[in-house]
Amino acid sequence: MSSNIQLKKREEYEDFYKKLRTKIMGWVKSGELNKKTQGWVGKFTEYLVVLPDLVYLLIKLLFDREVPKGTKSLIVIALAYLISPIDIIPDFVPVAGLVDDLLVTVIILNRIINGKDPIVLNKIPEYWPGESDVFEQVRKIVYLINEFASELPKGILKFMKEEKGGKK
């Protein structure tokens, strides 16, 4: 019975992964991503496409019996944040809610990688569904986090003023 519940949860997570990937790819292809954010999230476009891959990787690690419980607890935190309606960046800010999820996911994955558990470090490339190197992707996104942190407040304020009909 317990394995049936785990299988159902895994299927739900993988379904979430597929829907998220489809949604992001649709935004990228249609140009909606740049329109919705007035271009401020442009540098994250290639990395937003990676978000579903990161989610998939975390899910695979979560269900792997060899992954230590401490690592799994970090993964649960990341996944809980992803599905939680309460975010650092409110979901009503278009696309930024996904950038927020990307940042939290990468920060936690970076912490897992820096833990240097050999089992986990070997599992990450095994489960990675992305096209490029996962470790390189995480490194690049962590670098962008510093840039993003300084731009984010300005982008949110600009969006909120425009939504309320305010002037610059």
Protein backbone atom coordinates (compact mmCIF):
# COMPACT_ATOMS: atom_id res chain seq x y z
CA MET A 1 0.00 0.00 0.00
CA SER A 2 2.78 2.42 0.89
CA SER A 3 4.51 1.87 -2.46
CA ASN A 4 1.22 2.67 -4.27
CA ILE A 5 1.03 5.99 -2.43
CA GLN A 6 4.67 6.75 -3.31
CA LEU A 7 4.03 5.86 -6.96
CA LYS A 8 0.99 8.15 -7.05
CA LYS A 9 3.00 11.02 -5.51
CA ARG A 10 5.80 10.47 -8.00
CA GLU A 11 3.32 10.56 -10.89
CA GLU A 12 1.81 13.80 -9.53
CA TYR A 13 5.26 15.41 -9.30
CA GLU A 14 6.21 14.27 -12.80
CA ASP A 15 2.89 15.60 -14.13
CA PHE A 16 3.65 18.95 -12.46
CA TYR A 17 7.07 18.87 -14.15
CA LYS A 18 5.56 18.32 -17.60
CA LYS A 19 2.97 21.09 -17.16
CA LEU A 20 5.59 23.56 -15.90
CA ARG A 21 7.93 22.82 -18.81
CA THR A 22 5.10 23.25 -21.34
CA LYS A 23 4.03 26.55 -19.77
CA ILE A 24 7.54 28.03 -19.73
CA MET A 25 8.34 26.87 -23.27
CA GLY A 26 5.09 28.46 -24.45
CA TRP A 27 6.06 31.79 -22.87
CA VAL A 28 9.54 31.66 -24.37
CA LYS A 29 8.36 30.77 -27.90
CA SER A 30 5.56 33.33 -27.96
CA GLY A 31 7.68 36.17 -26.61
CA GLU A 32 5.24 36.52 -23.67
CA LEU A 33 8.10 36.18 -21.21
CA ASN A 34 9.75 39.41 -22.35
CA LYS A 35 6.41 41.19 -22.80
CA LYS A 36 5.16 40.32 -19.34
CA THR A 37 8.32 41.52 -17.66
CA GLN A 38 9.23 44.44 -19.92
CA GLY A 39 12.47 42.58 -20.64
CA TRP A 40 13.86 42.74 -17.07
CA VAL A 41 13.78 38.96 -16.72
CA GLY A 42 15.42 38.41 -20.12
CA LYS A 43 18.69 37.12 -18.69
CA PHE A 44 16.77 34.43 -16.86
CA THR A 45 14.94 33.13 -19.94
CA GLU A 46 17.37 30.30 -20.62
CA TYR A 47 17.39 29.41 -16.94
CA LEU A 48 13.61 29.43 -16.52
CA VAL A 49 13.52 26.67 -19.09
CA VAL A 50 15.83 24.75 -16.74
CA LEU A 51 13.41 25.06 -13.79
CA PRO A 52 11.32 22.01 -14.78
CA ASP A 53 14.54 20.01 -15.16
CA LEU A 54 15.61 21.07 -11.66
CA VAL A 55 12.22 20.07 -10.26
CA TYR A 56 12.44 16.70 -12.00
CA LEU A 57 15.95 16.17 -10.60
CA LEU A 58 14.80 16.98 -7.06
CA ILE A 59 11.87 14.58 -7.35
CA LYS A 60 14.10 11.77 -8.56
CA LEU A 61 16.55 12.41 -5.71
CA LEU A 62 13.69 12.51 -3.20
CA PHE A 63 12.50 9.04 -4.17
CA ASP A 64 15.96 7.50 -4.34
CA ARG A 65 16.54 5.19 -1.37
CA GLU A 66 20.29 5.85 -1.28
CA VAL A 67 19.96 9.62 -0.86
CA PRO A 68 20.48 10.60 2.81
CA LYS A 69 17.57 11.87 4.88
CA GLY A 70 19.25 15.26 5.45
CA THR A 71 19.41 15.84 1.70
CA LYS A 72 15.82 14.70 1.33
CA SER A 73 14.70 17.21 3.96
CA LEU A 74 16.27 20.03 1.91
CA ILE A 75 14.52 18.70 -1.20
CA VAL A 76 11.18 18.65 0.62
CA ILE A 77 11.71 22.30 1.60
CA ALA A 78 12.41 23.23 -2.03
CA LEU A 79 9.39 21.32 -3.36
CA ALA A 80 7.13 22.71 -0.63
CA TYR A 81 8.22 26.22 -1.55
CA LEU A 82 7.54 25.54 -5.21
CA ILE A 83 3.94 24.47 -4.60
CA SER A 84 3.21 26.93 -1.79
CA PRO A 85 0.97 29.89 -2.64
CA ILE A 86 3.08 32.04 -0.29
CA ASP A 87 6.25 33.24 -2.00
CA ILE A 88 8.91 35.88 -1.51
CA ILE A 89 7.84 37.31 -4.87
CA PRO A 90 4.05 37.34 -5.12
CA ASP A 91 2.56 35.09 -7.78
CA PHE A 92 0.53 37.96 -9.23
CA VAL A 93 3.77 39.44 -10.60
CA PRO A 94 3.96 37.71 -13.99
CA VAL A 95 6.85 35.32 -14.49
CA ALA A 96 8.74 36.72 -11.48
CA GLY A 97 7.01 34.09 -9.36
CA LEU A 98 8.80 31.47 -11.43
CA VAL A 99 12.10 33.34 -11.15
CA ASP A 100 11.53 33.30 -7.40
CA ASP A 101 10.97 29.53 -7.52
CA LEU A 102 14.06 29.09 -9.68
CA LEU A 103 16.21 31.03 -7.23
CA VAL A 104 15.01 29.11 -4.17
CA THR A 105 15.44 25.79 -6.00
CA VAL A 106 18.98 26.64 -7.12
CA ILE A 107 19.99 27.91 -3.68
CA ILE A 108 18.88 24.62 -2.12
CA LEU A 109 20.44 22.51 -4.89
CA ASN A 110 23.66 24.49 -4.52
CA ARG A 111 23.65 23.70 -0.80
CA ILE A 112 23.14 20.01 -1.59
CA ILE A 113 26.02 20.07 -4.07
CA ASN A 114 28.27 21.88 -1.58
CA GLY A 115 27.48 19.15 0.95
CA LYS A 116 29.73 16.98 -1.23
CA ASP A 117 28.01 13.71 -0.41
CA PRO A 118 29.53 11.32 -3.00
CA ILE A 119 26.29 9.35 -3.36
CA VAL A 120 24.29 12.49 -4.11
CA LEU A 121 26.96 13.95 -6.39
CA ASN A 122 26.89 10.75 -8.46
CA LYS A 123 23.08 10.65 -8.55
CA ILE A 124 22.67 14.23 -9.78
CA PRO A 125 24.09 13.66 -13.30
CA GLU A 126 22.32 10.28 -13.44
CA TYR A 127 18.88 11.87 -12.93
CA TRP A 128 19.49 15.16 -14.74
CA PRO A 129 17.10 15.41 -17.73
CA GLY A 130 18.58 18.67 -19.03
CA GLU A 131 20.74 19.12 -22.08
CA SER A 132 23.69 20.95 -20.53
CA ASP A 133 25.79 20.16 -17.46
CA VAL A 134 23.72 20.53 -14.27
CA PHE A 135 26.65 21.73 -12.18
CA GLU A 136 27.46 24.45 -14.72
CA GLN A 137 23.79 25.53 -14.84
CA VAL A 138 23.64 25.83 -11.05
CA ARG A 139 26.92 27.79 -10.98
CA LYS A 140 25.64 30.26 -13.61
CA ILE A 141 22.31 30.76 -11.87
CA VAL A 142 23.95 31.31 -8.48
CA TYR A 143 26.09 33.99 -10.15
CA LEU A 144 22.98 35.65 -11.59
CA ILE A 145 21.25 35.61 -8.21
CA ASN A 146 23.57 38.38 -7.06
CA GLU A 147 22.69 40.54 -10.08
CA PHE A 148 19.01 39.72 -9.81
CA ALA A 149 18.84 40.65 -6.13
CA SER A 150 19.68 44.25 -6.94
CA GLU A 151 17.27 44.53 -9.90
CA LEU A 152 14.24 42.76 -8.45
CA PRO A 153 12.85 45.48 -6.17
CA LYS A 154 12.92 48.00 -9.04
CA GLY A 155 11.12 45.58 -11.37
CA ILE A 156 8.40 44.75 -8.86
CA LEU A 157 7.80 48.40 -7.99
CA LYS A 158 7.58 49.32 -11.66
CA PHE A 159 5.09 46.53 -12.32
CA MET A 160 2.95 47.46 -9.30
CA LYS A 161 2.82 51.12 -10.36
CA GLU A 162 1.76 50.15 -13.87
CA GLU A 163 -0.91 47.78 -12.56
CA LYS A 164 -2.37 50.48 -10.32
CA GLY A 165 -2.24 53.02 -13.12
CA GLY A 166 0.42 55.03 -11.32
CA LYS A 167 3.03 57.09 -13.08
CA LYS A 168 6.80 56.69 -12.89
